PDB file of all heavy atoms in Angstrom:
ATOM      1  N   LYS A   1     -12.841  -6.477   3.763  1.00  0.00           N
ATOM      2  CA  LYS A   1     -12.484  -5.152   3.171  1.00  0.00           C
ATOM      3  C   LYS A   1     -10.919  -4.911   3.087  1.00  0.00           C
ATOM      4  O   LYS A   1     -10.515  -3.884   2.634  1.00  0.00           O
ATOM      5  CB  LYS A   1     -13.109  -4.040   4.021  1.00  0.00           C
ATOM      6  CG  LYS A   1     -14.629  -4.011   3.952  1.00  0.00           C
ATOM      7  CD  LYS A   1     -15.147  -3.374   2.625  1.00  0.00           C
ATOM      8  CE  LYS A   1     -16.657  -3.092   2.711  1.00  0.00           C
ATOM      9  NZ  LYS A   1     -17.048  -2.376   1.443  1.00  0.00           N
ATOM     10  N   SER A   2     -10.141  -5.803   3.590  1.00  0.00           N
ATOM     11  CA  SER A   2      -8.695  -5.614   3.579  1.00  0.00           C
ATOM     12  C   SER A   2      -8.128  -5.564   2.203  1.00  0.00           C
ATOM     13  O   SER A   2      -7.321  -4.763   1.847  1.00  0.00           O
ATOM     14  CB  SER A   2      -7.975  -6.530   4.467  1.00  0.00           C
ATOM     15  OG  SER A   2      -8.264  -7.925   4.056  1.00  0.00           O
ATOM     16  N   LYS A   3      -8.540  -6.559   1.375  1.00  0.00           N
ATOM     17  CA  LYS A   3      -7.999  -6.484   0.007  1.00  0.00           C
ATOM     18  C   LYS A   3      -8.451  -5.440  -0.794  1.00  0.00           C
ATOM     19  O   LYS A   3      -7.542  -4.772  -1.467  1.00  0.00           O
ATOM     20  CB  LYS A   3      -8.343  -7.933  -0.648  1.00  0.00           C
ATOM     21  CG  LYS A   3      -7.646  -7.972  -2.051  1.00  0.00           C
ATOM     22  CD  LYS A   3      -7.722  -9.418  -2.560  1.00  0.00           C
ATOM     23  CE  LYS A   3      -6.939  -9.478  -3.902  1.00  0.00           C
ATOM     24  NZ  LYS A   3      -6.886 -10.817  -4.371  1.00  0.00           N
ATOM     25  N   PRO A   4      -9.694  -4.994  -0.790  1.00  0.00           N
ATOM     26  CA  PRO A   4     -10.071  -3.734  -1.521  1.00  0.00           C
ATOM     27  C   PRO A   4      -9.267  -2.529  -1.012  1.00  0.00           C
ATOM     28  O   PRO A   4      -8.947  -1.700  -1.887  1.00  0.00           O
ATOM     29  CB  PRO A   4     -11.634  -3.601  -1.181  1.00  0.00           C
ATOM     30  CG  PRO A   4     -12.018  -4.971  -0.977  1.00  0.00           C
ATOM     31  CD  PRO A   4     -10.885  -5.645  -0.240  1.00  0.00           C
ATOM     32  N   PHE A   5      -8.954  -2.433   0.243  1.00  0.00           N
ATOM     33  CA  PHE A   5      -8.152  -1.413   0.744  1.00  0.00           C
ATOM     34  C   PHE A   5      -6.735  -1.279   0.189  1.00  0.00           C
ATOM     35  O   PHE A   5      -6.323  -0.369  -0.294  1.00  0.00           O
ATOM     36  CB  PHE A   5      -8.067  -1.432   2.281  1.00  0.00           C
ATOM     37  CG  PHE A   5      -7.252  -0.380   2.903  1.00  0.00           C
ATOM     38  CD1 PHE A   5      -7.740   0.893   3.165  1.00  0.00           C
ATOM     39  CD2 PHE A   5      -5.967  -0.573   3.143  1.00  0.00           C
ATOM     40  CE1 PHE A   5      -6.965   1.939   3.730  1.00  0.00           C
ATOM     41  CE2 PHE A   5      -5.101   0.424   3.715  1.00  0.00           C
ATOM     42  CZ  PHE A   5      -5.601   1.662   4.038  1.00  0.00           C
ATOM     43  N   CYS A   6      -6.156  -2.504   0.106  1.00  0.00           N
ATOM     44  CA  CYS A   6      -4.843  -2.727  -0.449  1.00  0.00           C
ATOM     45  C   CYS A   6      -4.821  -2.249  -1.896  1.00  0.00           C
ATOM     46  O   CYS A   6      -3.873  -1.539  -2.323  1.00  0.00           O
ATOM     47  CB  CYS A   6      -4.351  -4.096  -0.297  1.00  0.00           C
ATOM     48  SG  CYS A   6      -4.008  -4.685   1.428  1.00  0.00           S
ATOM     49  N   GLU A   7      -5.832  -2.611  -2.656  1.00  0.00           N
ATOM     50  CA  GLU A   7      -5.951  -2.264  -4.127  1.00  0.00           C
ATOM     51  C   GLU A   7      -5.989  -0.786  -4.227  1.00  0.00           C
ATOM     52  O   GLU A   7      -5.321  -0.117  -5.046  1.00  0.00           O
ATOM     53  CB  GLU A   7      -7.040  -3.017  -4.684  1.00  0.00           C
ATOM     54  CG  GLU A   7      -6.819  -4.537  -4.768  1.00  0.00           C
ATOM     55  CD  GLU A   7      -8.113  -5.256  -5.218  1.00  0.00           C
ATOM     56  OE1 GLU A   7      -9.212  -4.594  -5.325  1.00  0.00           O
ATOM     57  OE2 GLU A   7      -7.965  -6.429  -5.538  1.00  0.00           O
ATOM     58  N   LYS A   8      -6.844  -0.130  -3.407  1.00  0.00           N
ATOM     59  CA  LYS A   8      -7.030   1.341  -3.569  1.00  0.00           C
ATOM     60  C   LYS A   8      -5.858   2.038  -3.067  1.00  0.00           C
ATOM     61  O   LYS A   8      -5.431   3.036  -3.624  1.00  0.00           O
ATOM     62  CB  LYS A   8      -8.272   1.766  -2.724  1.00  0.00           C
ATOM     63  CG  LYS A   8      -9.588   1.263  -3.155  1.00  0.00           C
ATOM     64  CD  LYS A   8     -10.720   1.609  -2.228  1.00  0.00           C
ATOM     65  CE  LYS A   8     -12.077   1.082  -2.710  1.00  0.00           C
ATOM     66  NZ  LYS A   8     -13.176   1.297  -1.792  1.00  0.00           N
ATOM     67  N   LEU A   9      -5.162   1.579  -2.075  1.00  0.00           N
ATOM     68  CA  LEU A   9      -3.942   2.165  -1.539  1.00  0.00           C
ATOM     69  C   LEU A   9      -2.857   2.166  -2.520  1.00  0.00           C
ATOM     70  O   LEU A   9      -2.226   3.161  -2.833  1.00  0.00           O
ATOM     71  CB  LEU A   9      -3.502   1.470  -0.264  1.00  0.00           C
ATOM     72  CG  LEU A   9      -2.060   1.892   0.325  1.00  0.00           C
ATOM     73  CD1 LEU A   9      -2.126   3.304   0.754  1.00  0.00           C
ATOM     74  CD2 LEU A   9      -1.657   0.900   1.416  1.00  0.00           C
ATOM     75  N   LEU A  10      -2.664   0.969  -3.112  1.00  0.00           N
ATOM     76  CA  LEU A  10      -1.632   0.894  -4.224  1.00  0.00           C
ATOM     77  C   LEU A  10      -1.874   1.677  -5.432  1.00  0.00           C
ATOM     78  O   LEU A  10      -0.972   2.164  -6.080  1.00  0.00           O
ATOM     79  CB  LEU A  10      -1.366  -0.601  -4.551  1.00  0.00           C
ATOM     80  CG  LEU A  10      -0.813  -1.434  -3.373  1.00  0.00           C
ATOM     81  CD1 LEU A  10      -0.611  -2.912  -3.785  1.00  0.00           C
ATOM     82  CD2 LEU A  10       0.577  -0.883  -2.845  1.00  0.00           C
ATOM     83  N   SER A  11      -3.125   1.802  -5.743  1.00  0.00           N
ATOM     84  CA  SER A  11      -3.588   2.712  -6.870  1.00  0.00           C
ATOM     85  C   SER A  11      -3.248   4.130  -6.627  1.00  0.00           C
ATOM     86  O   SER A  11      -2.658   4.817  -7.438  1.00  0.00           O
ATOM     87  CB  SER A  11      -5.013   2.615  -7.157  1.00  0.00           C
ATOM     88  OG  SER A  11      -5.541   3.445  -8.091  1.00  0.00           O
ATOM     89  N   TRP A  12      -3.430   4.591  -5.336  1.00  0.00           N
ATOM     90  CA  TRP A  12      -3.005   5.909  -4.878  1.00  0.00           C
ATOM     91  C   TRP A  12      -1.483   6.083  -4.968  1.00  0.00           C
ATOM     92  O   TRP A  12      -1.005   7.136  -5.448  1.00  0.00           O
ATOM     93  CB  TRP A  12      -3.539   6.227  -3.523  1.00  0.00           C
ATOM     94  CG  TRP A  12      -3.042   7.503  -2.983  1.00  0.00           C
ATOM     95  CD1 TRP A  12      -3.498   8.768  -3.344  1.00  0.00           C
ATOM     96  CD2 TRP A  12      -2.162   7.744  -1.936  1.00  0.00           C
ATOM     97  NE1 TRP A  12      -2.759   9.779  -2.614  1.00  0.00           N
ATOM     98  CE2 TRP A  12      -2.000   9.122  -1.721  1.00  0.00           C
ATOM     99  CE3 TRP A  12      -1.415   6.862  -1.031  1.00  0.00           C
ATOM    100  CZ2 TRP A  12      -1.150   9.662  -0.743  1.00  0.00           C
ATOM    101  CZ3 TRP A  12      -0.672   7.396  -0.089  1.00  0.00           C
ATOM    102  CH2 TRP A  12      -0.431   8.805   0.098  1.00  0.00           C
ATOM    103  N   VAL A  13      -0.735   5.069  -4.556  1.00  0.00           N
ATOM    104  CA  VAL A  13       0.707   5.089  -4.578  1.00  0.00           C
ATOM    105  C   VAL A  13       1.245   5.273  -6.018  1.00  0.00           C
ATOM    106  O   VAL A  13       2.098   6.108  -6.275  1.00  0.00           O
ATOM    107  CB  VAL A  13       1.305   3.792  -3.977  1.00  0.00           C
ATOM    108  CG1 VAL A  13       2.842   3.739  -4.311  1.00  0.00           C
ATOM    109  CG2 VAL A  13       1.089   3.775  -2.463  1.00  0.00           C
ATOM    110  N   LYS A  14       0.619   4.572  -6.942  1.00  0.00           N
ATOM    111  CA  LYS A  14       1.095   4.661  -8.390  1.00  0.00           C
ATOM    112  C   LYS A  14       0.652   6.093  -8.916  1.00  0.00           C
ATOM    113  O   LYS A  14       1.471   6.705  -9.569  1.00  0.00           O
ATOM    114  CB  LYS A  14       0.349   3.622  -9.188  1.00  0.00           C
ATOM    115  CG  LYS A  14       0.939   2.233  -8.883  1.00  0.00           C
ATOM    116  CD  LYS A  14       0.167   1.123  -9.644  1.00  0.00           C
ATOM    117  CE  LYS A  14       0.796   0.983 -11.052  1.00  0.00           C
ATOM    118  NZ  LYS A  14       0.172  -0.257 -11.711  1.00  0.00           N
ATOM    119  N   SER A  15      -0.506   6.553  -8.618  1.00  0.00           N
ATOM    120  CA  SER A  15      -0.838   7.853  -9.115  1.00  0.00           C
ATOM    121  C   SER A  15      -0.092   9.017  -8.509  1.00  0.00           C
ATOM    122  O   SER A  15       0.021  10.126  -9.081  1.00  0.00           O
ATOM    123  CB  SER A  15      -2.351   8.098  -8.889  1.00  0.00           C
ATOM    124  OG  SER A  15      -2.685   8.175  -7.525  1.00  0.00           O
ATOM    125  N   SER A  16       0.372   8.808  -7.266  1.00  0.00           N
ATOM    126  CA  SER A  16       1.252   9.751  -6.559  1.00  0.00           C
ATOM    127  C   SER A  16       2.600   9.785  -6.926  1.00  0.00           C
ATOM    128  O   SER A  16       3.459  10.679  -6.613  1.00  0.00           O
ATOM    129  CB  SER A  16       1.090   9.648  -5.054  1.00  0.00           C
ATOM    130  OG  SER A  16      -0.253   9.754  -4.601  1.00  0.00           O
ATOM    131  N   ASN A  17       3.063   8.773  -7.707  1.00  0.00           N
ATOM    132  CA  ASN A  17       4.432   8.651  -8.148  1.00  0.00           C
ATOM    133  C   ASN A  17       5.426   8.500  -7.002  1.00  0.00           C
ATOM    134  O   ASN A  17       6.562   9.117  -7.067  1.00  0.00           O
ATOM    135  CB  ASN A  17       4.760   9.804  -9.130  1.00  0.00           C
ATOM    136  CG  ASN A  17       4.035   9.833 -10.328  1.00  0.00           C
ATOM    137  OD1 ASN A  17       3.873   8.714 -11.004  1.00  0.00           O
ATOM    138  ND2 ASN A  17       3.525  10.978 -10.880  1.00  0.00           N
ATOM    139  N   CYS A  18       5.089   7.821  -5.926  1.00  0.00           N
ATOM    140  CA  CYS A  18       5.993   7.608  -4.869  1.00  0.00           C
ATOM    141  C   CYS A  18       7.189   6.738  -5.349  1.00  0.00           C
ATOM    142  O   CYS A  18       7.020   5.853  -6.079  1.00  0.00           O
ATOM    143  CB  CYS A  18       5.330   7.001  -3.683  1.00  0.00           C
ATOM    144  SG  CYS A  18       4.063   7.976  -2.808  1.00  0.00           S
ATOM    145  N   ALA A  19       8.364   7.013  -4.860  1.00  0.00           N
ATOM    146  CA  ALA A  19       9.547   6.341  -5.208  1.00  0.00           C
ATOM    147  C   ALA A  19       9.513   4.927  -4.686  1.00  0.00           C
ATOM    148  O   ALA A  19       9.921   4.017  -5.398  1.00  0.00           O
ATOM    149  CB  ALA A  19      10.801   7.026  -4.745  1.00  0.00           C
ATOM    150  N   LYS A  20       9.127   4.738  -3.443  1.00  0.00           N
ATOM    151  CA  LYS A  20       9.060   3.359  -2.881  1.00  0.00           C
ATOM    152  C   LYS A  20       8.130   3.447  -1.664  1.00  0.00           C
ATOM    153  O   LYS A  20       7.737   4.529  -1.126  1.00  0.00           O
ATOM    154  CB  LYS A  20      10.350   2.874  -2.439  1.00  0.00           C
ATOM    155  CG  LYS A  20      11.180   3.716  -1.361  1.00  0.00           C
ATOM    156  CD  LYS A  20      12.468   3.060  -1.201  1.00  0.00           C
ATOM    157  CE  LYS A  20      13.372   3.916  -0.236  1.00  0.00           C
ATOM    158  NZ  LYS A  20      13.838   5.201  -0.857  1.00  0.00           N
ATOM    159  N   VAL A  21       7.611   2.320  -1.277  1.00  0.00           N
ATOM    160  CA  VAL A  21       6.760   2.047  -0.085  1.00  0.00           C
ATOM    161  C   VAL A  21       7.560   1.189   0.853  1.00  0.00           C
ATOM    162  O   VAL A  21       8.067   0.166   0.452  1.00  0.00           O
ATOM    163  CB  VAL A  21       5.434   1.433  -0.478  1.00  0.00           C
ATOM    164  CG1 VAL A  21       4.499   1.274   0.746  1.00  0.00           C
ATOM    165  CG2 VAL A  21       4.718   2.310  -1.612  1.00  0.00           C
ATOM    166  N   ILE A  22       7.515   1.533   2.158  1.00  0.00           N
ATOM    167  CA  ILE A  22       8.093   0.661   3.194  1.00  0.00           C
ATOM    168  C   ILE A  22       6.999   0.421   4.190  1.00  0.00           C
ATOM    169  O   ILE A  22       6.428   1.303   4.836  1.00  0.00           O
ATOM    170  CB  ILE A  22       9.266   1.369   3.880  1.00  0.00           C
ATOM    171  CG1 ILE A  22      10.380   1.736   2.799  1.00  0.00           C
ATOM    172  CG2 ILE A  22       9.840   0.541   4.959  1.00  0.00           C
ATOM    173  CD1 ILE A  22      11.610   2.419   3.383  1.00  0.00           C
ATOM    174  N   VAL A  23       6.760  -0.902   4.402  1.00  0.00           N
ATOM    175  CA  VAL A  23       5.676  -1.384   5.329  1.00  0.00           C
ATOM    176  C   VAL A  23       6.365  -1.848   6.521  1.00  0.00           C
ATOM    177  O   VAL A  23       7.215  -2.679   6.527  1.00  0.00           O
ATOM    178  CB  VAL A  23       4.813  -2.451   4.713  1.00  0.00           C
ATOM    179  CG1 VAL A  23       3.758  -2.954   5.653  1.00  0.00           C
ATOM    180  CG2 VAL A  23       4.168  -2.021   3.410  1.00  0.00           C
ATOM    181  N   LEU A  24       5.963  -1.307   7.695  1.00  0.00           N
ATOM    182  CA  LEU A  24       6.506  -1.753   9.041  1.00  0.00           C
ATOM    183  C   LEU A  24       5.456  -2.697   9.617  1.00  0.00           C
ATOM    184  O   LEU A  24       4.387  -2.405   9.797  1.00  0.00           O
ATOM    185  CB  LEU A  24       6.793  -0.596   9.942  1.00  0.00           C
ATOM    186  CG  LEU A  24       7.669   0.521   9.365  1.00  0.00           C
ATOM    187  CD1 LEU A  24       7.890   1.673  10.449  1.00  0.00           C
ATOM    188  CD2 LEU A  24       9.001  -0.088   9.080  1.00  0.00           C
ATOM    189  N   SER A  25       5.969  -3.834  10.007  1.00  0.00           N
ATOM    190  CA  SER A  25       5.045  -4.917  10.385  1.00  0.00           C
ATOM    191  C   SER A  25       5.623  -5.824  11.506  1.00  0.00           C
ATOM    192  O   SER A  25       6.732  -5.551  11.997  1.00  0.00           O
ATOM    193  CB  SER A  25       4.647  -5.835   9.141  1.00  0.00           C
ATOM    194  OG  SER A  25       3.656  -6.782   9.424  1.00  0.00           O
ATOM    195  N   SER A  26       4.945  -6.918  11.850  1.00  0.00           N
ATOM    196  CA  SER A  26       5.311  -7.874  12.854  1.00  0.00           C
ATOM    197  C   SER A  26       4.709  -9.227  12.611  1.00  0.00           C
ATOM    198  O   SER A  26       3.680  -9.293  11.748  1.00  0.00           O
ATOM    199  CB  SER A  26       4.920  -7.337  14.229  1.00  0.00           C
ATOM    200  OG  SER A  26       3.569  -6.972  14.322  1.00  0.00           O
ATOM    201  N   SER A  27       5.243 -10.199  13.209  1.00  0.00           N
ATOM    202  CA  SER A  27       4.702 -11.589  12.995  1.00  0.00           C
ATOM    203  C   SER A  27       4.859 -12.342  14.304  1.00  0.00           C
ATOM    204  O   SER A  27       5.663 -12.021  15.183  1.00  0.00           O
ATOM    205  CB  SER A  27       5.608 -12.272  11.952  1.00  0.00           C
ATOM    206  OG  SER A  27       5.069 -13.532  11.612  1.00  0.00           O
ATOM    207  N   HIS A  28       4.003 -13.332  14.447  1.00  0.00           N
ATOM    208  CA  HIS A  28       4.049 -14.136  15.713  1.00  0.00           C
ATOM    209  C   HIS A  28       5.342 -14.740  15.923  1.00  0.00           C
ATOM    210  O   HIS A  28       5.854 -15.492  15.094  1.00  0.00           O
ATOM    211  CB  HIS A  28       2.950 -15.187  15.704  1.00  0.00           C
ATOM    212  CG  HIS A  28       1.514 -14.556  15.912  1.00  0.00           C
ATOM    213  ND1 HIS A  28       1.110 -13.905  16.998  1.00  0.00           N
ATOM    214  CD2 HIS A  28       0.435 -14.631  15.053  1.00  0.00           C
ATOM    215  CE1 HIS A  28      -0.166 -13.566  16.829  1.00  0.00           C
ATOM    216  NE2 HIS A  28      -0.501 -13.919  15.685  1.00  0.00           N
TER     217      HIS A  28
END
């Protein structure tokens, strides 16, 4: 379900007209 979530999230970002998205993450 992670990919469908990303698709729906980015669709919301576009419809909301956000200027930019910043993802805070980590790696091994």
